[in-house]
All heavy atoms as atom14 arrays in JSON, in Angstrom:
{
  "sequence": "EAAARNVFIMNNTPHLESVTTSARGALQYQDNQRVLVLEH",
  "atom14_mask": [
    [1, 1, 1, 1, 1, 1, 1, 1, 1, 0, 0, 0, 0, 0],
    [1, 1, 1, 1, 1, 0, 0, 0, 0, 0, 0, 0, 0, 0],
    [1, 1, 1, 1, 1, 0, 0, 0, 0, 0, 0, 0, 0, 0],
    [1, 1, 1, 1, 1, 0, 0, 0, 0, 0, 0, 0, 0, 0],
    [1, 1, 1, 1, 1, 1, 1, 1, 1, 1, 1, 0, 0, 0],
    [1, 1, 1, 1, 1, 1, 1, 1, 0, 0, 0, 0, 0, 0],
    [1, 1, 1, 1, 1, 1, 1, 0, 0, 0, 0, 0, 0, 0],
    [1, 1, 1, 1, 1, 1, 1, 1, 1, 1, 1, 0, 0, 0],
    [1, 1, 1, 1, 1, 1, 1, 1, 0, 0, 0, 0, 0, 0],
    [1, 1, 1, 1, 1, 1, 1, 1, 0, 0, 0, 0, 0, 0],
    [1, 1, 1, 1, 1, 1, 1, 1, 0, 0, 0, 0, 0, 0],
    [1, 1, 1, 1, 1, 1, 1, 1, 0, 0, 0, 0, 0, 0],
    [1, 1, 1, 1, 1, 1, 1, 0, 0, 0, 0, 0, 0, 0],
    [1, 1, 1, 1, 1, 1, 1, 0, 0, 0, 0, 0, 0, 0],
    [1, 1, 1, 1, 1, 1, 1, 1, 1, 1, 0, 0, 0, 0],
    [1, 1, 1, 1, 1, 1, 1, 1, 0, 0, 0, 0, 0, 0],
    [1, 1, 1, 1, 1, 1, 1, 1, 1, 0, 0, 0, 0, 0],
    [1, 1, 1, 1, 1, 1, 0, 0, 0, 0, 0, 0, 0, 0],
    [1, 1, 1, 1, 1, 1, 1, 0, 0, 0, 0, 0, 0, 0],
    [1, 1, 1, 1, 1, 1, 1, 0, 0, 0, 0, 0, 0, 0],
    [1, 1, 1, 1, 1, 1, 1, 0, 0, 0, 0, 0, 0, 0],
    [1, 1, 1, 1, 1, 1, 0, 0, 0, 0, 0, 0, 0, 0],
    [1, 1, 1, 1, 1, 0, 0, 0, 0, 0, 0, 0, 0, 0],
    [1, 1, 1, 1, 1, 1, 1, 1, 1, 1, 1, 0, 0, 0],
    [1, 1, 1, 1, 0, 0, 0, 0, 0, 0, 0, 0, 0, 0],
    [1, 1, 1, 1, 1, 0, 0, 0, 0, 0, 0, 0, 0, 0],
    [1, 1, 1, 1, 1, 1, 1, 1, 0, 0, 0, 0, 0, 0],
    [1, 1, 1, 1, 1, 1, 1, 1, 1, 0, 0, 0, 0, 0],
    [1, 1, 1, 1, 1, 1, 1, 1, 1, 1, 1, 1, 0, 0],
    [1, 1, 1, 1, 1, 1, 1, 1, 1, 0, 0, 0, 0, 0],
    [1, 1, 1, 1, 1, 1, 1, 1, 0, 0, 0, 0, 0, 0],
    [1, 1, 1, 1, 1, 1, 1, 1, 0, 0, 0, 0, 0, 0],
    [1, 1, 1, 1, 1, 1, 1, 1, 1, 0, 0, 0, 0, 0],
    [1, 1, 1, 1, 1, 1, 1, 1, 1, 1, 1, 0, 0, 0],
    [1, 1, 1, 1, 1, 1, 1, 0, 0, 0, 0, 0, 0, 0],
    [1, 1, 1, 1, 1, 1, 1, 1, 0, 0, 0, 0, 0, 0],
    [1, 1, 1, 1, 1, 1, 1, 0, 0, 0, 0, 0, 0, 0],
    [1, 1, 1, 1, 1, 1, 1, 1, 0, 0, 0, 0, 0, 0],
    [1, 1, 1, 1, 1, 1, 1, 1, 1, 0, 0, 0, 0, 0],
    [1, 1, 1, 1, 1, 1, 1, 1, 1, 1, 0, 0, 0, 0]
  ],
  "atom14_positions": [
    [[61.76, -26.46, 290.92], [62.03, -26.72, 289.5], [60.78, -27.11, 288.74], [60.65, -26.8, 287.56], [63.09, -27.83, 289.39], [63.54, -28.08, 287.96], [64.55, -29.22, 287.88], [64.65, -29.97, 288.87], [65.21, -29.35, 286.84], [0.0, 0.0, 0.0], [0.0, 0.0, 0.0], [0.0, 0.0, 0.0], [0.0, 0.0, 0.0], [0.0, 0.0, 0.0]],
    [[59.86, -27.81, 289.4], [58.64, -28.27, 288.74], [57.51, -27.27, 288.81], [56.39, -27.58, 288.42], [58.19, -29.6, 289.34], [0.0, 0.0, 0.0], [0.0, 0.0, 0.0], [0.0, 0.0, 0.0], [0.0, 0.0, 0.0], [0.0, 0.0, 0.0], [0.0, 0.0, 0.0], [0.0, 0.0, 0.0], [0.0, 0.0, 0.0], [0.0, 0.0, 0.0]],
    [[57.76, -26.06, 289.3], [56.72, -25.03, 289.42], [57.06, -23.87, 288.49], [58.19, -23.71, 288.04], [56.6, -24.56, 290.86], [0.0, 0.0, 0.0], [0.0, 0.0, 0.0], [0.0, 0.0, 0.0], [0.0, 0.0, 0.0], [0.0, 0.0, 0.0], [0.0, 0.0, 0.0], [0.0, 0.0, 0.0], [0.0, 0.0, 0.0], [0.0, 0.0, 0.0]],
    [[56.04, -23.05, 288.22], [56.2, -21.91, 287.32], [55.29, -20.78, 287.78], [54.29, -20.99, 288.48], [55.9, -22.3, 285.88], [0.0, 0.0, 0.0], [0.0, 0.0, 0.0], [0.0, 0.0, 0.0], [0.0, 0.0, 0.0], [0.0, 0.0, 0.0], [0.0, 0.0, 0.0], [0.0, 0.0, 0.0], [0.0, 0.0, 0.0], [0.0, 0.0, 0.0]],
    [[55.63, -19.57, 287.35], [54.82, -18.39, 287.63], [54.39, -17.76, 286.32], [55.05, -17.9, 285.31], [55.62, -17.37, 288.46], [56.05, -17.87, 289.83], [56.84, -16.82, 290.57], [58.04, -16.43, 289.84], [58.91, -15.51, 290.26], [58.7, -14.89, 291.42], [59.96, -15.21, 289.55], [0.0, 0.0, 0.0], [0.0, 0.0, 0.0], [0.0, 0.0, 0.0]],
    [[53.22, -17.06, 286.39], [52.68, -16.37, 285.22], [52.61, -17.31, 284.02], [53.27, -17.12, 282.99], [53.52, -15.14, 284.88], [53.57, -14.14, 286.02], [52.58, -14.0, 286.78], [54.67, -13.44, 286.17], [0.0, 0.0, 0.0], [0.0, 0.0, 0.0], [0.0, 0.0, 0.0], [0.0, 0.0, 0.0], [0.0, 0.0, 0.0], [0.0, 0.0, 0.0]],
    [[51.8, -18.34, 284.16], [51.68, -19.38, 283.15], [50.67, -18.97, 282.09], [49.57, -18.5, 282.41], [51.28, -20.71, 283.8], [51.19, -21.81, 282.75], [52.25, -21.1, 284.91], [0.0, 0.0, 0.0], [0.0, 0.0, 0.0], [0.0, 0.0, 0.0], [0.0, 0.0, 0.0], [0.0, 0.0, 0.0], [0.0, 0.0, 0.0], [0.0, 0.0, 0.0]],
    [[51.05, -19.18, 280.82], [50.15, -18.96, 279.69], [50.15, -20.24, 278.85], [51.2, -20.7, 278.4], [50.61, -17.78, 278.84], [49.86, -17.64, 277.54], [48.66, -16.96, 277.48], [50.36, -18.21, 276.37], [47.98, -16.84, 276.28], [49.69, -18.09, 275.18], [48.49, -17.4, 275.13], [0.0, 0.0, 0.0], [0.0, 0.0, 0.0], [0.0, 0.0, 0.0]],
    [[48.98, -20.84, 278.67], [48.85, -22.09, 277.91], [47.73, -21.92, 276.9], [46.6, -21.56, 277.26], [48.53, -23.28, 278.84], [49.59, -23.42, 279.93], [48.44, -24.57, 278.03], [49.27, -24.49, 280.93], [0.0, 0.0, 0.0], [0.0, 0.0, 0.0], [0.0, 0.0, 0.0], [0.0, 0.0, 0.0], [0.0, 0.0, 0.0], [0.0, 0.0, 0.0]],
    [[48.04, -22.19, 275.65], [47.02, -22.22, 274.6], [46.92, -23.64, 274.08], [47.92, -24.22, 273.62], [47.36, -21.27, 273.46], [46.2, -21.11, 272.46], [46.54, -19.94, 271.13], [47.45, -21.01, 270.04], [0.0, 0.0, 0.0], [0.0, 0.0, 0.0], [0.0, 0.0, 0.0], [0.0, 0.0, 0.0], [0.0, 0.0, 0.0], [0.0, 0.0, 0.0]],
    [[45.71, -24.21, 274.16], [45.48, -25.6, 273.8], [44.54, -25.66, 272.61], [43.47, -25.03, 272.61], [44.9, -26.35, 274.98], [44.89, -27.85, 274.75], [45.45, -28.33, 273.77], [44.26, -28.58, 275.65], [0.0, 0.0, 0.0], [0.0, 0.0, 0.0], [0.0, 0.0, 0.0], [0.0, 0.0, 0.0], [0.0, 0.0, 0.0], [0.0, 0.0, 0.0]],
    [[44.94, -26.42, 271.58], [44.13, -26.57, 270.37], [43.68, -28.01, 270.23], [44.48, -28.93, 270.3], [44.93, -26.17, 269.11], [45.16, -24.68, 269.04], [44.29, -23.89, 269.39], [46.35, -24.28, 268.59], [0.0, 0.0, 0.0], [0.0, 0.0, 0.0], [0.0, 0.0, 0.0], [0.0, 0.0, 0.0], [0.0, 0.0, 0.0], [0.0, 0.0, 0.0]],
    [[42.38, -28.19, 270.04], [41.77, -29.47, 269.73], [40.98, -29.32, 268.44], [40.77, -28.19, 267.96], [40.87, -29.94, 270.88], [39.81, -28.98, 271.07], [41.66, -30.07, 272.18], [0.0, 0.0, 0.0], [0.0, 0.0, 0.0], [0.0, 0.0, 0.0], [0.0, 0.0, 0.0], [0.0, 0.0, 0.0], [0.0, 0.0, 0.0], [0.0, 0.0, 0.0]],
    [[40.52, -30.42, 267.85], [39.77, -30.27, 266.58], [38.54, -29.38, 266.68], [38.15, -28.77, 265.66], [39.39, -31.72, 266.25], [40.45, -32.55, 266.89], [40.8, -31.83, 268.15], [0.0, 0.0, 0.0], [0.0, 0.0, 0.0], [0.0, 0.0, 0.0], [0.0, 0.0, 0.0], [0.0, 0.0, 0.0], [0.0, 0.0, 0.0], [0.0, 0.0, 0.0]],
    [[37.91, -29.28, 267.85], [36.68, -28.51, 267.96], [36.74, -27.41, 269.01], [35.77, -26.67, 269.17], [35.49, -29.42, 268.31], [35.32, -30.56, 267.36], [34.94, -30.38, 266.03], [35.51, -31.9, 267.52], [34.87, -31.57, 265.42], [35.22, -32.51, 266.32], [0.0, 0.0, 0.0], [0.0, 0.0, 0.0], [0.0, 0.0, 0.0], [0.0, 0.0, 0.0]],
    [[37.87, -27.27, 269.72], [37.92, -26.29, 270.8], [39.31, -25.67, 270.86], [40.32, -26.35, 270.71], [37.6, -26.96, 272.13], [37.51, -26.03, 273.36], [36.32, -25.09, 273.22], [37.38, -26.86, 274.64], [0.0, 0.0, 0.0], [0.0, 0.0, 0.0], [0.0, 0.0, 0.0], [0.0, 0.0, 0.0], [0.0, 0.0, 0.0], [0.0, 0.0, 0.0]],
    [[39.31, -24.37, 271.08], [40.54, -23.62, 271.31], [40.41, -22.91, 272.64], [39.47, -22.15, 272.86], [40.78, -22.62, 270.18], [42.04, -21.78, 270.35], [42.22, -20.77, 269.23], [42.68, -21.15, 268.13], [41.86, -19.59, 269.46], [0.0, 0.0, 0.0], [0.0, 0.0, 0.0], [0.0, 0.0, 0.0], [0.0, 0.0, 0.0], [0.0, 0.0, 0.0]],
    [[41.37, -23.16, 273.53], [41.29, -22.59, 274.87], [42.6, -21.91, 275.22], [43.68, -22.39, 274.84], [40.98, -23.67, 275.91], [42.0, -24.64, 275.94], [0.0, 0.0, 0.0], [0.0, 0.0, 0.0], [0.0, 0.0, 0.0], [0.0, 0.0, 0.0], [0.0, 0.0, 0.0], [0.0, 0.0, 0.0], [0.0, 0.0, 0.0], [0.0, 0.0, 0.0]],
    [[42.48, -20.82, 275.96], [43.62, -20.07, 276.45], [43.49, -19.98, 277.96], [42.5, -19.47, 278.48], [43.7, -18.66, 275.84], [44.87, -17.88, 276.43], [43.84, -18.75, 274.33], [0.0, 0.0, 0.0], [0.0, 0.0, 0.0], [0.0, 0.0, 0.0], [0.0, 0.0, 0.0], [0.0, 0.0, 0.0], [0.0, 0.0, 0.0], [0.0, 0.0, 0.0]],
    [[44.52, -20.5, 278.66], [44.5, -20.53, 280.12], [45.66, -19.72, 280.65], [46.8, -19.89, 280.19], [44.62, -21.98, 280.63], [43.58, -22.77, 280.06], [44.51, -22.03, 282.14], [0.0, 0.0, 0.0], [0.0, 0.0, 0.0], [0.0, 0.0, 0.0], [0.0, 0.0, 0.0], [0.0, 0.0, 0.0], [0.0, 0.0, 0.0], [0.0, 0.0, 0.0]],
    [[45.36, -18.83, 281.59], [46.39, -18.04, 282.25], [46.28, -18.27, 283.74], [45.17, -18.45, 284.28], [46.23, -16.55, 281.93], [44.92, -16.13, 282.32], [46.42, -16.28, 280.44], [0.0, 0.0, 0.0], [0.0, 0.0, 0.0], [0.0, 0.0, 0.0], [0.0, 0.0, 0.0], [0.0, 0.0, 0.0], [0.0, 0.0, 0.0], [0.0, 0.0, 0.0]],
    [[47.43, -18.27, 284.4], [47.44, -18.55, 285.83], [48.63, -17.84, 286.46], [49.66, -17.62, 285.8], [47.52, -20.05, 286.09], [47.67, -20.33, 287.46], [0.0, 0.0, 0.0], [0.0, 0.0, 0.0], [0.0, 0.0, 0.0], [0.0, 0.0, 0.0], [0.0, 0.0, 0.0], [0.0, 0.0, 0.0], [0.0, 0.0, 0.0], [0.0, 0.0, 0.0]],
    [[48.47, -17.49, 287.73], [49.56, -16.85, 288.45], [50.63, -17.83, 288.86], [51.79, -17.46, 289.02], [49.02, -16.11, 289.69], [0.0, 0.0, 0.0], [0.0, 0.0, 0.0], [0.0, 0.0, 0.0], [0.0, 0.0, 0.0], [0.0, 0.0, 0.0], [0.0, 0.0, 0.0], [0.0, 0.0, 0.0], [0.0, 0.0, 0.0], [0.0, 0.0, 0.0]],
    [[50.25, -19.1, 289.03], [51.22, -20.1, 289.49], [50.77, -21.47, 289.02], [49.57, -21.76, 288.96], [51.33, -20.06, 291.02], [52.28, -21.1, 291.6], [52.39, -20.99, 293.11], [53.14, -22.1, 293.67], [54.46, -22.17, 293.71], [55.18, -21.18, 293.21], [55.09, -23.22, 294.24], [0.0, 0.0, 0.0], [0.0, 0.0, 0.0], [0.0, 0.0, 0.0]],
    [[51.77, -22.32, 288.69], [51.48, -23.69, 288.31], [52.49, -24.63, 288.94], [53.66, -24.28, 289.13], [0.0, 0.0, 0.0], [0.0, 0.0, 0.0], [0.0, 0.0, 0.0], [0.0, 0.0, 0.0], [0.0, 0.0, 0.0], [0.0, 0.0, 0.0], [0.0, 0.0, 0.0], [0.0, 0.0, 0.0], [0.0, 0.0, 0.0], [0.0, 0.0, 0.0]],
    [[52.02, -25.83, 289.27], [52.89, -26.82, 289.9], [52.52, -28.2, 289.39], [51.4, -28.42, 288.89], [52.78, -26.77, 291.42], [0.0, 0.0, 0.0], [0.0, 0.0, 0.0], [0.0, 0.0, 0.0], [0.0, 0.0, 0.0], [0.0, 0.0, 0.0], [0.0, 0.0, 0.0], [0.0, 0.0, 0.0], [0.0, 0.0, 0.0], [0.0, 0.0, 0.0]],
    [[53.44, -29.14, 289.52], [53.25, -30.5, 289.06], [53.14, -31.43, 290.25], [53.94, -31.35, 291.19], [54.43, -30.94, 288.18], [54.37, -32.33, 287.57], [53.25, -32.41, 286.55], [55.7, -32.7, 286.95], [0.0, 0.0, 0.0], [0.0, 0.0, 0.0], [0.0, 0.0, 0.0], [0.0, 0.0, 0.0], [0.0, 0.0, 0.0], [0.0, 0.0, 0.0]],
    [[52.17, -32.32, 290.22], [51.96, -33.29, 291.28], [51.71, -34.66, 290.68], [51.24, -34.78, 289.54], [50.77, -32.89, 292.17], [50.95, -31.58, 292.91], [49.76, -31.23, 293.76], [48.77, -31.99, 293.82], [49.83, -30.08, 294.43], [0.0, 0.0, 0.0], [0.0, 0.0, 0.0], [0.0, 0.0, 0.0], [0.0, 0.0, 0.0], [0.0, 0.0, 0.0]],
    [[52.02, -35.72, 291.46], [51.78, -37.1, 291.07], [50.72, -37.69, 291.99], [50.88, -37.69, 293.21], [53.06, -37.94, 291.15], [54.1, -37.55, 290.14], [55.09, -36.62, 290.44], [54.09, -38.12, 288.86], [56.05, -36.27, 289.52], [55.04, -37.76, 287.93], [56.01, -36.85, 288.26], [56.95, -36.49, 287.33], [0.0, 0.0, 0.0], [0.0, 0.0, 0.0]],
    [[49.63, -38.17, 291.39], [48.53, -38.75, 292.15], [48.03, -39.99, 291.43], [47.68, -39.93, 290.25], [47.37, -37.75, 292.32], [47.73, -36.52, 293.14], [46.55, -35.56, 293.25], [45.49, -35.79, 292.66], [46.75, -34.49, 294.0], [0.0, 0.0, 0.0], [0.0, 0.0, 0.0], [0.0, 0.0, 0.0], [0.0, 0.0, 0.0], [0.0, 0.0, 0.0]],
    [[48.0, -41.12, 292.16], [47.47, -42.39, 291.61], [48.13, -42.74, 290.29], [47.48, -43.08, 289.3], [45.95, -42.31, 291.43], [45.24, -42.05, 292.74], [45.77, -42.48, 293.79], [44.17, -41.41, 292.72], [0.0, 0.0, 0.0], [0.0, 0.0, 0.0], [0.0, 0.0, 0.0], [0.0, 0.0, 0.0], [0.0, 0.0, 0.0], [0.0, 0.0, 0.0]],
    [[49.46, -42.66, 290.29], [50.24, -42.99, 289.09], [49.87, -42.12, 287.9], [49.95, -42.52, 286.74], [50.07, -44.47, 288.73], [51.21, -44.97, 287.86], [52.31, -44.42, 287.91], [50.97, -46.01, 287.09], [0.0, 0.0, 0.0], [0.0, 0.0, 0.0], [0.0, 0.0, 0.0], [0.0, 0.0, 0.0], [0.0, 0.0, 0.0], [0.0, 0.0, 0.0]],
    [[49.46, -40.9, 288.18], [49.13, -39.93, 287.15], [49.86, -38.63, 287.43], [50.11, -38.27, 288.58], [47.62, -39.67, 287.09], [46.8, -40.85, 286.59], [45.32, -40.53, 286.57], [44.86, -39.61, 287.25], [44.57, -41.27, 285.79], [0.0, 0.0, 0.0], [0.0, 0.0, 0.0], [0.0, 0.0, 0.0], [0.0, 0.0, 0.0], [0.0, 0.0, 0.0]],
    [[50.18, -37.93, 286.36], [50.82, -36.63, 286.49], [49.76, -35.55, 286.31], [49.12, -35.47, 285.26], [51.93, -36.5, 285.46], [52.78, -35.27, 285.62], [54.06, -35.38, 284.83], [53.8, -35.69, 283.44], [54.75, -36.02, 282.58], [55.99, -36.1, 282.98], [54.46, -36.27, 281.32], [0.0, 0.0, 0.0], [0.0, 0.0, 0.0], [0.0, 0.0, 0.0]],
    [[49.6, -34.73, 287.34], [48.53, -33.74, 287.38], [49.16, -32.35, 287.45], [50.05, -32.1, 288.27], [47.59, -33.96, 288.59], [46.49, -32.91, 288.61], [46.99, -35.36, 288.54], [0.0, 0.0, 0.0], [0.0, 0.0, 0.0], [0.0, 0.0, 0.0], [0.0, 0.0, 0.0], [0.0, 0.0, 0.0], [0.0, 0.0, 0.0], [0.0, 0.0, 0.0]],
    [[48.69, -31.45, 286.6], [49.12, -30.06, 286.61], [48.1, -29.24, 287.38], [46.92, -29.24, 287.05], [49.26, -29.54, 285.18], [49.66, -28.07, 285.03], [51.05, -27.83, 285.61], [49.61, -27.66, 283.55], [0.0, 0.0, 0.0], [0.0, 0.0, 0.0], [0.0, 0.0, 0.0], [0.0, 0.0, 0.0], [0.0, 0.0, 0.0], [0.0, 0.0, 0.0]],
    [[48.55, -28.55, 288.41], [47.7, -27.75, 289.28], [48.0, -26.28, 289.04], [49.13, -25.82, 289.25], [47.92, -28.12, 290.76], [47.01, -27.28, 291.65], [47.67, -29.61, 290.99], [0.0, 0.0, 0.0], [0.0, 0.0, 0.0], [0.0, 0.0, 0.0], [0.0, 0.0, 0.0], [0.0, 0.0, 0.0], [0.0, 0.0, 0.0], [0.0, 0.0, 0.0]],
    [[46.99, -25.53, 288.58], [47.1, -24.09, 288.35], [46.3, -23.35, 289.41], [45.2, -23.79, 289.8], [46.61, -23.72, 286.96], [47.33, -24.37, 285.78], [46.69, -23.94, 284.46], [48.8, -24.04, 285.78], [0.0, 0.0, 0.0], [0.0, 0.0, 0.0], [0.0, 0.0, 0.0], [0.0, 0.0, 0.0], [0.0, 0.0, 0.0], [0.0, 0.0, 0.0]],
    [[46.81, -22.21, 289.84], [46.15, -21.44, 290.89], [45.95, -20.0, 290.43], [46.82, -19.43, 289.77], [46.99, -21.47, 292.18], [47.19, -22.86, 292.76], [48.08, -22.84, 293.98], [48.61, -21.74, 294.28], [48.26, -23.89, 294.62], [0.0, 0.0, 0.0], [0.0, 0.0, 0.0], [0.0, 0.0, 0.0], [0.0, 0.0, 0.0], [0.0, 0.0, 0.0]],
    [[44.75, -19.45, 290.78], [44.42, -18.04, 290.54], [44.59, -17.67, 289.07], [45.53, -16.99, 288.66], [45.3, -17.12, 291.41], [45.25, -17.44, 292.87], [44.13, -17.21, 293.63], [46.18, -17.99, 293.69], [44.37, -17.59, 294.89], [45.6, -18.08, 294.94], [0.0, 0.0, 0.0], [0.0, 0.0, 0.0], [0.0, 0.0, 0.0], [0.0, 0.0, 0.0]]
  ]
}
């Protein structure tokens, strides 16, 4: 449920625009933080 395939993410900041694509994404918890792990 916490994983996805063919991920497309567009992120806008005041000075940067980024487009990230990945074949797979998953959610992990590390040191009381939520970390998004993208692969390939």
